[in-house]
C-alpha atoms as a PDB file:
ATOM      1  CA  UNK A   1      -8.014 -15.819  -7.684  1.00  0.00           C
ATOM      2  CA  UNK A   2      -9.292 -15.036 -11.128  1.00  0.00           C
ATOM      3  CA  UNK A   3      -6.574 -14.760 -13.764  1.00  0.00           C
ATOM      4  CA  UNK A   4      -7.266 -14.310 -17.432  1.00  0.00           C
ATOM      5  CA  UNK A   5      -4.110 -14.034 -19.461  1.00  0.00           C
ATOM      6  CA  UNK A   6      -2.620 -15.212 -22.742  1.00  0.00           C
ATOM      7  CA  UNK A   7       0.997 -14.687 -23.619  1.00  0.00           C
ATOM      8  CA  UNK A   8       0.518 -13.630 -27.233  1.00  0.00           C
ATOM      9  CA  UNK A   9       0.970  -9.940 -28.062  1.00  0.00           C
ATOM     10  CA  UNK A  10      -2.389  -8.202 -28.632  1.00  0.00           C
ATOM     11  CA  UNK A  11      -2.855  -5.354 -31.176  1.00  0.00           C
ATOM     12  CA  UNK A  12      -4.939  -4.165 -29.049  1.00  0.00           C
ATOM     13  CA  UNK A  13      -8.614  22.795  -7.338  1.00  0.00           C
ATOM     14  CA  UNK A  14     -10.911  24.018 -10.075  1.00  0.00           C
ATOM     15  CA  UNK A  15      -9.021  23.305 -13.275  1.00  0.00           C
ATOM     16  CA  UNK A  16      -5.895  25.368 -12.587  1.00  0.00           C
ATOM     17  CA  UNK A  17      -3.559  22.351 -12.460  1.00  0.00           C
ATOM     18  CA  UNK A  18      -4.797  20.871 -15.737  1.00  0.00           C
ATOM     19  CA  UNK A  19      -2.488  22.991 -17.912  1.00  0.00           C
ATOM     20  CA  UNK A  20       0.526  21.785 -15.923  1.00  0.00           C
ATOM     21  CA  UNK A  21      -0.623  18.156 -16.161  1.00  0.00           C
ATOM     22  CA  UNK A  22      -1.204  18.504 -19.901  1.00  0.00           C
ATOM     23  CA  UNK A  23       2.481  19.349 -20.356  1.00  0.00           C
ATOM     24  CA  UNK A  24       3.855  16.816 -17.871  1.00  0.00           C
ATOM     25  CA  UNK A  25       1.889  13.602 -18.062  1.00  0.00           C
ATOM     26  CA  UNK A  26       1.749  12.917 -21.824  1.00  0.00           C
ATOM     27  CA  UNK A  27       5.533  13.255 -22.288  1.00  0.00           C
ATOM     28  CA  UNK A  28       6.297  10.913 -19.379  1.00  0.00           C
ATOM     29  CA  UNK A  29       3.659   8.437 -20.507  1.00  0.00           C
ATOM     30  CA  UNK A  30       4.953   8.402 -24.067  1.00  0.00           C
ATOM     31  CA  UNK A  31       8.507   7.872 -22.811  1.00  0.00           C
ATOM     32  CA  UNK A  32       7.402   4.892 -20.739  1.00  0.00           C
ATOM     33  CA  UNK A  33       5.338   3.448 -23.572  1.00  0.00           C
ATOM     34  CA  UNK A  34       8.288   3.748 -25.938  1.00  0.00           C
ATOM     35  CA  UNK A  35      10.913   2.415 -23.529  1.00  0.00           C
ATOM     36  CA  UNK A  36       8.997  -0.428 -21.888  1.00  0.00           C
ATOM     37  CA  UNK A  37       8.888  -3.977 -23.241  1.00  0.00           C
ATOM     38  CA  UNK A  38       5.907  -4.861 -21.034  1.00  0.00           C
ATOM     39  CA  UNK A  39       3.132  -2.482 -19.998  1.00  0.00           C
ATOM     40  CA  UNK A  40       1.116  -3.039 -16.829  1.00  0.00           C
ATOM     41  CA  UNK A  41      -2.042  -0.925 -16.864  1.00  0.00           C
ATOM     42  CA  UNK A  42      -3.400  -0.648 -13.328  1.00  0.00           C
ATOM     43  CA  UNK A  43      -7.206  -0.515 -13.153  1.00  0.00           C
ATOM     44  CA  UNK A  44      -9.570  -0.083 -10.198  1.00  0.00           C
ATOM     45  CA  UNK A  45     -11.686  -3.207  -9.645  1.00  0.00           C
ATOM     46  CA  UNK A  46     -14.649  -1.018  -8.653  1.00  0.00           C
ATOM     47  CA  UNK A  47     -14.500   0.941 -11.924  1.00  0.00           C
ATOM     48  CA  UNK A  48     -12.844  -1.284 -14.515  1.00  0.00           C
ATOM     49  CA  UNK A  49     -14.373   0.487 -17.515  1.00  0.00           C
ATOM     50  CA  UNK A  50     -13.841   3.970 -16.109  1.00  0.00           C
ATOM     51  CA  UNK A  51     -10.149   3.418 -15.345  1.00  0.00           C
ATOM     52  CA  UNK A  52      -9.374   1.582 -18.584  1.00  0.00           C
ATOM     53  CA  UNK A  53      -7.297   3.954 -20.748  1.00  0.00           C
ATOM     54  CA  UNK A  54      -7.940   3.459 -24.491  1.00  0.00           C
ATOM     55  CA  UNK A  55      -4.973   5.671 -25.411  1.00  0.00           C
ATOM     56  CA  UNK A  56      -2.571   3.158 -23.901  1.00  0.00           C
ATOM     57  CA  UNK A  57      -4.125   0.227 -25.741  1.00  0.00           C
ATOM     58  CA  UNK A  58      -4.297   2.174 -29.008  1.00  0.00           C
ATOM     59  CA  UNK A  59      -0.580   2.898 -28.797  1.00  0.00           C
ATOM     60  CA  UNK A  60       0.236  -0.720 -27.992  1.00  0.00           C
ATOM     61  CA  UNK A  61      -1.758  -1.833 -31.038  1.00  0.00           C
ATOM     62  CA  UNK A  62       0.820  -0.142 -33.229  1.00  0.00           C
ATOM     63  CA  UNK A  63       3.854  -1.487 -31.335  1.00  0.00           C
ATOM     64  CA  UNK A  64       5.182  -4.930 -30.584  1.00  0.00           C
ATOM     65  CA  UNK A  65       4.505  -4.610 -26.865  1.00  0.00           C
ATOM     66  CA  UNK A  66       3.134  -6.942 -24.212  1.00  0.00           C
ATOM     67  CA  UNK A  67       0.369  -5.711 -21.911  1.00  0.00           C
ATOM     68  CA  UNK A  68      -1.013  -6.926 -18.590  1.00  0.00           C
ATOM     69  CA  UNK A  69      -4.071  -5.380 -16.929  1.00  0.00           C
ATOM     70  CA  UNK A  70      -3.679  -5.439 -13.139  1.00  0.00           C
ATOM     71  CA  UNK A  71      -7.168  -5.088 -11.645  1.00  0.00           C
ATOM     72  CA  UNK A  72      -6.327  -3.596  -8.241  1.00  0.00           C
ATOM     73  CA  UNK A  73      -8.459  -2.972  -5.110  1.00  0.00           C
ATOM     74  CA  UNK A  74     -10.358  -6.223  -5.584  1.00  0.00           C
ATOM     75  CA  UNK A  75     -10.795  -6.301  -1.798  1.00  0.00           C
ATOM     76  CA  UNK A  76     -13.226  -3.368  -2.063  1.00  0.00           C
ATOM     77  CA  UNK A  77     -15.863  -5.117  -4.183  1.00  0.00           C
ATOM     78  CA  UNK A  78     -17.363  -8.606  -4.315  1.00  0.00           C
ATOM     79  CA  UNK A  79     -16.019 -10.641  -7.231  1.00  0.00           C
ATOM     80  CA  UNK A  80     -19.425 -11.225  -8.827  1.00  0.00           C
ATOM     81  CA  UNK A  81     -19.938  -7.468  -9.118  1.00  0.00           C
ATOM     82  CA  UNK A  82     -16.699  -6.698 -10.947  1.00  0.00           C
ATOM     83  CA  UNK A  83     -17.324  -5.422 -14.467  1.00  0.00           C
ATOM     84  CA  UNK A  84     -16.115  -7.389 -17.482  1.00  0.00           C
ATOM     85  CA  UNK A  85     -12.334  -7.271 -17.539  1.00  0.00           C
ATOM     86  CA  UNK A  86     -10.090  -6.720 -20.568  1.00  0.00           C
ATOM     87  CA  UNK A  87      -8.042  -9.604 -21.941  1.00  0.00           C
ATOM     88  CA  UNK A  88      -4.751 -10.321 -20.170  1.00  0.00           C
ATOM     89  CA  UNK A  89      -6.140  -9.326 -16.772  1.00  0.00           C
ATOM     90  CA  UNK A  90      -5.130 -10.352 -13.255  1.00  0.00           C
ATOM     91  CA  UNK A  91      -7.226  -9.570 -10.170  1.00  0.00           C
ATOM     92  CA  UNK A  92      -5.057  -8.228  -7.369  1.00  0.00           C
ATOM     93  CA  UNK A  93      -5.207  -6.355  -4.084  1.00  0.00           C
ATOM     94  CA  UNK A  94      -2.116  -4.467  -2.998  1.00  0.00           C
ATOM     95  CA  UNK A  95      -3.658  -4.059   0.443  1.00  0.00           C
ATOM     96  CA  UNK A  96      -3.802  -7.775   1.279  1.00  0.00           C
ATOM     97  CA  UNK A  97      -1.325  -8.966  -1.425  1.00  0.00           C
ATOM     98  CA  UNK A  98      -4.015 -10.954  -3.239  1.00  0.00           C
ATOM     99  CA  UNK A  99      -2.820 -12.044  -6.696  1.00  0.00           C
ATOM    100  CA  UNK A 100       0.612 -10.409  -6.375  1.00  0.00           C
ATOM    101  CA  UNK A 101       2.543 -13.672  -6.729  1.00  0.00           C
ATOM    102  CA  UNK A 102       0.509 -14.590  -9.823  1.00  0.00           C
ATOM    103  CA  UNK A 103       1.248 -11.215 -11.381  1.00  0.00           C
ATOM    104  CA  UNK A 104       4.945 -11.404 -10.525  1.00  0.00           C
ATOM    105  CA  UNK A 105       5.189 -14.857 -12.104  1.00  0.00           C
ATOM    106  CA  UNK A 106       3.395 -13.683 -15.257  1.00  0.00           C
ATOM    107  CA  UNK A 107       5.858 -10.804 -15.594  1.00  0.00           C
ATOM    108  CA  UNK A 108       8.781 -13.213 -15.321  1.00  0.00           C
ATOM    109  CA  UNK A 109       7.276 -15.668 -17.830  1.00  0.00           C
ATOM    110  CA  UNK A 110       6.566 -12.949 -20.382  1.00  0.00           C
ATOM    111  CA  UNK A 111      10.040 -11.494 -19.839  1.00  0.00           C
ATOM    112  CA  UNK A 112      11.659 -14.861 -20.556  1.00  0.00           C
ATOM    113  CA  UNK A 113       9.712 -15.109 -23.819  1.00  0.00           C
ATOM    114  CA  UNK A 114      11.130 -11.798 -25.028  1.00  0.00           C
ATOM    115  CA  UNK A 115      14.668 -13.191 -24.930  1.00  0.00           C
ATOM    116  CA  UNK A 116      16.336  -9.887 -24.057  1.00  0.00           C
ATOM    117  CA  UNK A 117      19.182  -9.216 -21.628  1.00  0.00           C
ATOM    118  CA  UNK A 118      17.270  -6.407 -19.935  1.00  0.00           C
ATOM    119  CA  UNK A 119      13.478  -6.089 -19.647  1.00  0.00           C
ATOM    120  CA  UNK A 120      11.727  -2.834 -18.818  1.00  0.00           C
ATOM    121  CA  UNK A 121       8.213  -2.976 -17.378  1.00  0.00           C
ATOM    122  CA  UNK A 122       6.105   0.179 -17.523  1.00  0.00           C
ATOM    123  CA  UNK A 123       3.512   0.846 -14.821  1.00  0.00           C
ATOM    124  CA  UNK A 124       0.695   3.116 -15.969  1.00  0.00           C
ATOM    125  CA  UNK A 125      -2.860   4.027 -15.038  1.00  0.00           C
ATOM    126  CA  UNK A 126      -5.134   6.688 -13.627  1.00  0.00           C
ATOM    127  CA  UNK A 127      -4.083   8.520 -10.464  1.00  0.00           C
ATOM    128  CA  UNK A 128      -5.031   6.690  -7.254  1.00  0.00           C
ATOM    129  CA  UNK A 129      -5.373   3.263  -8.886  1.00  0.00           C
ATOM    130  CA  UNK A 130      -2.422   2.023  -6.815  1.00  0.00           C
ATOM    131  CA  UNK A 131       0.596   2.058  -9.139  1.00  0.00           C
ATOM    132  CA  UNK A 132       3.165   2.796  -6.425  1.00  0.00           C
ATOM    133  CA  UNK A 133       1.525   0.330  -4.042  1.00  0.00           C
ATOM    134  CA  UNK A 134       1.731  -2.329  -6.762  1.00  0.00           C
ATOM    135  CA  UNK A 135       5.439  -1.712  -7.284  1.00  0.00           C
ATOM    136  CA  UNK A 136       6.064  -1.959  -3.542  1.00  0.00           C
ATOM    137  CA  UNK A 137       4.152  -5.245  -3.436  1.00  0.00           C
ATOM    138  CA  UNK A 138       5.977  -6.679  -6.456  1.00  0.00           C
ATOM    139  CA  UNK A 139       9.464  -5.940  -5.160  1.00  0.00           C
ATOM    140  CA  UNK A 140       8.505  -6.763  -1.539  1.00  0.00           C
ATOM    141  CA  UNK A 141       9.751  -3.525  -0.013  1.00  0.00           C
ATOM    142  CA  UNK A 142       8.681   0.074   0.393  1.00  0.00           C
ATOM    143  CA  UNK A 143      10.596   1.776  -2.387  1.00  0.00           C
ATOM    144  CA  UNK A 144       8.082   4.002  -4.139  1.00  0.00           C
ATOM    145  CA  UNK A 145       6.386   6.697  -2.050  1.00  0.00           C
ATOM    146  CA  UNK A 146       2.694   5.931  -1.586  1.00  0.00           C
ATOM    147  CA  UNK A 147      -0.247   8.246  -0.911  1.00  0.00           C
ATOM    148  CA  UNK A 148      -4.008   8.211  -1.419  1.00  0.00           C
ATOM    149  CA  UNK A 149      -3.600  11.661  -2.985  1.00  0.00           C
ATOM    150  CA  UNK A 150      -3.962  11.594  -6.773  1.00  0.00           C
ATOM    151  CA  UNK A 151      -0.728  12.227  -8.679  1.00  0.00           C
ATOM    152  CA  UNK A 152       1.502  11.748  -5.590  1.00  0.00           C
ATOM    153  CA  UNK A 153       4.276   9.988  -7.531  1.00  0.00           C
ATOM    154  CA  UNK A 154       6.082  12.974  -9.013  1.00  0.00           C
ATOM    155  CA  UNK A 155       8.664  11.540 -11.388  1.00  0.00           C
ATOM    156  CA  UNK A 156       9.753   8.363 -13.159  1.00  0.00           C
ATOM    157  CA  UNK A 157      11.595   5.770 -11.112  1.00  0.00           C
ATOM    158  CA  UNK A 158      13.378   2.566 -12.117  1.00  0.00           C
ATOM    159  CA  UNK A 159      13.182  -0.256  -9.590  1.00  0.00           C
ATOM    160  CA  UNK A 160      14.618  -3.764  -9.753  1.00  0.00           C
ATOM    161  CA  UNK A 161      12.229  -6.730  -9.807  1.00  0.00           C
ATOM    162  CA  UNK A 162      14.747  -9.439 -10.754  1.00  0.00           C
ATOM    163  CA  UNK A 163      18.278  -9.680 -12.157  1.00  0.00           C
ATOM    164  CA  UNK A 164      17.214  -8.557 -15.621  1.00  0.00           C
ATOM    165  CA  UNK A 165      13.775  -7.022 -14.971  1.00  0.00           C
ATOM    166  CA  UNK A 166      13.165  -3.407 -13.987  1.00  0.00           C
ATOM    167  CA  UNK A 167       9.927  -1.586 -13.201  1.00  0.00           C
ATOM    168  CA  UNK A 168       9.231   2.003 -14.238  1.00  0.00           C
ATOM    169  CA  UNK A 169       6.779   4.077 -12.242  1.00  0.00           C
ATOM    170  CA  UNK A 170       5.024   7.221 -13.490  1.00  0.00           C
ATOM    171  CA  UNK A 171       2.394   9.736 -12.459  1.00  0.00           C
ATOM    172  CA  UNK A 172      -1.165   8.652 -13.164  1.00  0.00           C
ATOM    173  CA  UNK A 173      -2.682   9.529 -16.511  1.00  0.00           C
ATOM    174  CA  UNK A 174      -6.010  11.086 -17.428  1.00  0.00           C
ATOM    175  CA  UNK A 175      -6.728  10.452 -21.144  1.00  0.00           C
ATOM    176  CA  UNK A 176      -5.641  13.399 -23.252  1.00  0.00           C
ATOM    177  CA  UNK A 177      -9.104  14.097 -24.616  1.00  0.00           C
ATOM    178  CA  UNK A 178     -10.309  14.682 -21.036  1.00  0.00           C
ATOM    179  CA  UNK A 179      -7.554  17.089 -19.898  1.00  0.00           C
ATOM    180  CA  UNK A 180      -9.376  20.308 -20.727  1.00  0.00           C
ATOM    181  CA  UNK A 181     -12.921  19.202 -19.974  1.00  0.00           C
ATOM    182  CA  UNK A 182     -15.085  21.473 -17.849  1.00  0.00           C
ATOM    183  CA  UNK A 183     -18.154  19.279 -18.132  1.00  0.00           C
ATOM    184  CA  UNK A 184     -19.390  18.531 -14.634  1.00  0.00           C
ATOM    185  CA  UNK A 185     -20.270  14.865 -15.103  1.00  0.00           C
ATOM    186  CA  UNK A 186     -16.758  13.932 -16.283  1.00  0.00           C
ATOM    187  CA  UNK A 187     -15.125  15.889 -13.477  1.00  0.00           C
ATOM    188  CA  UNK A 188     -17.425  14.188 -10.975  1.00  0.00           C
ATOM    189  CA  UNK A 189     -16.476  10.852 -12.520  1.00  0.00           C
ATOM    190  CA  UNK A 190     -12.789  11.634 -12.046  1.00  0.00           C
ATOM    191  CA  UNK A 191     -13.441  12.426  -8.384  1.00  0.00           C
ATOM    192  CA  UNK A 192     -15.347   9.148  -7.992  1.00  0.00           C
ATOM    193  CA  UNK A 193     -12.457   7.033  -9.259  1.00  0.00           C
ATOM    194  CA  UNK A 194      -9.841   9.126  -7.462  1.00  0.00           C
ATOM    195  CA  UNK A 195      -8.318  10.753 -10.558  1.00  0.00           C
ATOM    196  CA  UNK A 196      -9.141  14.098  -8.952  1.00  0.00           C
ATOM    197  CA  UNK A 197      -8.494  14.291  -5.216  1.00  0.00           C
ATOM    198  CA  UNK A 198     -11.351  15.287  -2.952  1.00  0.00           C
ATOM    199  CA  UNK A 199      -9.593  18.543  -2.044  1.00  0.00           C
ATOM    200  CA  UNK A 200      -9.282  19.634  -5.685  1.00  0.00           C
ATOM    201  CA  UNK A 201     -12.791  18.914  -6.946  1.00  0.00           C
ATOM    202  CA  UNK A 202     -14.639  22.070  -7.989  1.00  0.00           C
ATOM    203  CA  UNK A 203     -18.113  20.715  -7.202  1.00  0.00           C
ATOM    204  CA  UNK A 204     -17.856  17.880  -4.639  1.00  0.00           C
ATOM    205  CA  UNK A 205     -21.625  17.822  -4.138  1.00  0.00           C
ATOM    206  CA  UNK A 206     -22.076  16.880  -7.802  1.00  0.00           C
ATOM    207  CA  UNK A 207     -19.593  14.035  -7.344  1.00  0.00           C
ATOM    208  CA  UNK A 208     -21.620  12.753  -4.370  1.00  0.00           C
ATOM    209  CA  UNK A 209     -24.769  12.850  -6.515  1.00  0.00           C
ATOM    210  CA  UNK A 210     -22.918  10.679  -9.060  1.00  0.00           C
ATOM    211  CA  UNK A 211     -21.925   8.208  -6.329  1.00  0.00           C
ATOM    212  CA  UNK A 212     -25.482   7.928  -5.027  1.00  0.00           C
ATOM    213  CA  UNK A 213     -26.838   7.409  -8.531  1.00  0.00           C
ATOM    214  CA  UNK A 214     -24.296   4.753  -9.492  1.00  0.00           C
ATOM    215  CA  UNK A 215     -24.259   2.897  -6.161  1.00  0.00           C
ATOM    216  CA  UNK A 216     -27.734   3.191  -4.567  1.00  0.00           C
ATOM    217  CA  UNK A 217     -27.770   2.599  -0.830  1.00  0.00           C
ATOM    218  CA  UNK A 218     -23.993   2.277  -0.397  1.00  0.00           C
ATOM    219  CA  UNK A 219     -23.429   5.676   1.210  1.00  0.00           C
ATOM    220  CA  UNK A 220     -26.622   5.342   3.257  1.00  0.00           C
ATOM    221  CA  UNK A 221     -25.469   1.987   4.632  1.00  0.00           C
ATOM    222  CA  UNK A 222     -21.989   3.255   5.454  1.00  0.00           C
ATOM    223  CA  UNK A 223     -23.158   6.384   7.255  1.00  0.00           C
ATOM    224  CA  UNK A 224     -26.323   4.745   8.653  1.00  0.00           C
ATOM    225  CA  UNK A 225     -28.511   7.503   7.244  1.00  0.00           C
ATOM    226  CA  UNK A 226     -31.721   6.837   5.309  1.00  0.00           C
ATOM    227  CA  UNK A 227     -32.024   9.455   2.569  1.00  0.00           C
ATOM    228  CA  UNK A 228     -34.085   7.619  -0.064  1.00  0.00           C
ATOM    229  CA  UNK A 229     -31.388   8.408  -2.624  1.00  0.00           C
ATOM    230  CA  UNK A 230     -31.578  12.166  -1.971  1.00  0.00           C
ATOM    231  CA  UNK A 231     -28.089  13.682  -1.755  1.00  0.00           C
ATOM    232  CA  UNK A 232     -29.377  16.814  -0.014  1.00  0.00           C
ATOM    233  CA  UNK A 233     -30.841  14.748   2.832  1.00  0.00           C
ATOM    234  CA  UNK A 234     -27.644  12.709   3.150  1.00  0.00           C
ATOM    235  CA  UNK A 235     -25.423  15.804   3.242  1.00  0.00           C
ATOM    236  CA  UNK A 236     -27.751  17.566   5.692  1.00  0.00           C
ATOM    237  CA  UNK A 237     -27.974  14.656   8.143  1.00  0.00           C
ATOM    238  CA  UNK A 238     -24.288  13.762   7.962  1.00  0.00           C
ATOM    239  CA  UNK A 239     -23.273  17.408   8.327  1.00  0.00           C
ATOM    240  CA  UNK A 240     -25.260  17.732  11.533  1.00  0.00           C
ATOM    241  CA  UNK A 241     -23.871  14.445  12.865  1.00  0.00           C
ATOM    242  CA  UNK A 242     -20.312  15.639  12.194  1.00  0.00           C
ATOM    243  CA  UNK A 243     -21.055  19.204  13.344  1.00  0.00           C
ATOM    244  CA  UNK A 244     -19.895  20.556   9.987  1.00  0.00           C
ATOM    245  CA  UNK A 245     -21.833  23.784  10.246  1.00  0.00           C
ATOM    246  CA  UNK A 246     -21.495  27.335   9.020  1.00  0.00           C
ATOM    247  CA  UNK A 247     -22.737  30.491  10.702  1.00  0.00           C
ATOM    248  CA  UNK A 248     -26.459  30.394  11.271  1.00  0.00           C
ATOM    249  CA  UNK A 249     -26.397  26.638  12.018  1.00  0.00           C
ATOM    250  CA  UNK A 250     -26.391  25.867   8.283  1.00  0.00           C
ATOM    251  CA  UNK A 251     -24.713  22.650   7.120  1.00  0.00           C
ATOM    252  CA  UNK A 252     -21.481  23.172   5.179  1.00  0.00           C
ATOM    253  CA  UNK A 253     -22.450  20.909   2.271  1.00  0.00           C
ATOM    254  CA  UNK A 254     -19.116  21.450   0.506  1.00  0.00           C
ATOM    255  CA  UNK A 255     -17.172  20.239   3.551  1.00  0.00           C
ATOM    256  CA  UNK A 256     -19.464  17.250   4.058  1.00  0.00           C
ATOM    257  CA  UNK A 257     -19.227  16.245   0.391  1.00  0.00           C
ATOM    258  CA  UNK A 258     -15.421  16.404   0.537  1.00  0.00           C
ATOM    259  CA  UNK A 259     -15.461  14.177   3.633  1.00  0.00           C
ATOM    260  CA  UNK A 260     -17.513  11.602   1.712  1.00  0.00           C
ATOM    261  CA  UNK A 261     -15.146  11.763  -1.280  1.00  0.00           C
ATOM    262  CA  UNK A 262     -12.119  11.490   1.023  1.00  0.00           C
ATOM    263  CA  UNK A 263     -13.421   8.342   2.699  1.00  0.00           C
ATOM    264  CA  UNK A 264     -14.460   6.927  -0.679  1.00  0.00           C
ATOM    265  CA  UNK A 265     -11.058   7.548  -2.259  1.00  0.00           C
ATOM    266  CA  UNK A 266      -9.287   6.101   0.778  1.00  0.00           C
ATOM    267  CA  UNK A 267     -11.257   2.865   0.358  1.00  0.00           C
ATOM    268  CA  UNK A 268     -13.195   3.119   3.611  1.00  0.00           C
ATOM    269  CA  UNK A 269     -16.548   2.861   1.834  1.00  0.00           C
ATOM    270  CA  UNK A 270     -16.895  -0.577   0.251  1.00  0.00           C
ATOM    271  CA  UNK A 271     -19.306  -1.703  -2.443  1.00  0.00           C
ATOM    272  CA  UNK A 272     -21.441  -4.763  -1.631  1.00  0.00           C
ATOM    273  CA  UNK A 273     -19.829  -5.597   1.672  1.00  0.00           C
END
C-alpha cells in the first residue's frame, strides 16, 4: 500500500439540473469546509488530476485545516499507471477495503494532534468518487446510502468514527467554474469520471469518443471488438451484438453509448487489467 502523508498543515439530463446544483452544492460544501477540522478529499485513482478539486485546496490554504487525499478505486487501475498524487495522499479501495485501516489510523493520529474534545471530519469530492462507500468502510457498517448514481447522497450526515471523532458526508461537488459550462469536452469529461451519470449526459457518444481517445484499446478489449480506435465502428458492432436497434435495423448509438458509460461508471471496465 502506497501512503504519502505528512502531518503538518499545508496552505495548500441536458443541463436542466445544473441550476439546482448551483444553489445546493456550494452552500453545503462551504458549511462542511467551515465546520470540519479535517478534510478528506476523495479522488478517483483512474483520474487523479480530473477529480482533484482546486477550490477545496484554495479554501484550505486560507484556513488552519488539515487535509487528506483519499485516492479511491485503486483496484480499477494498476499502481504504476496512477497519475502523480497530491501531498498527503492515501491509496484506498472501498470495494476490497485496501488502505482503509491506514486511512482510519491517520485520521485518529491527526485528530489527537489537534487536541480538541470533538473532531469533525469533512468528506468531499466529485460525485461517484465513493464518498459514502468510504464512510461505510471507515465506520465498518452500512450507514450512508450508497449508489453508483452521481449525487445520490442527498443531504449532510454526521456519523461516529470514534468517541470524539465524527464524519460529515455531503453531495459530490463539481467546481463552481464548471457549473454552467455547455462546452462538450468538459461535459464528456464529467461523464467519464462519473460526475454526470450516464442517463443524464446530453451527448453520450461524445463521452465515448473521449474514453477511446484517452484509453486506447480499453473498450475494444472489454467488448472484444476491434474498431481501430473508431467510435462509430465500436458503437455499430456493439449495438448489433446487444440488439440495440431502432426501426429500419439502424443501431441506436445513443443507447449503446449510455450502456458503455454505465458499465464504465460502475467500474466494470478496468484500465490495464
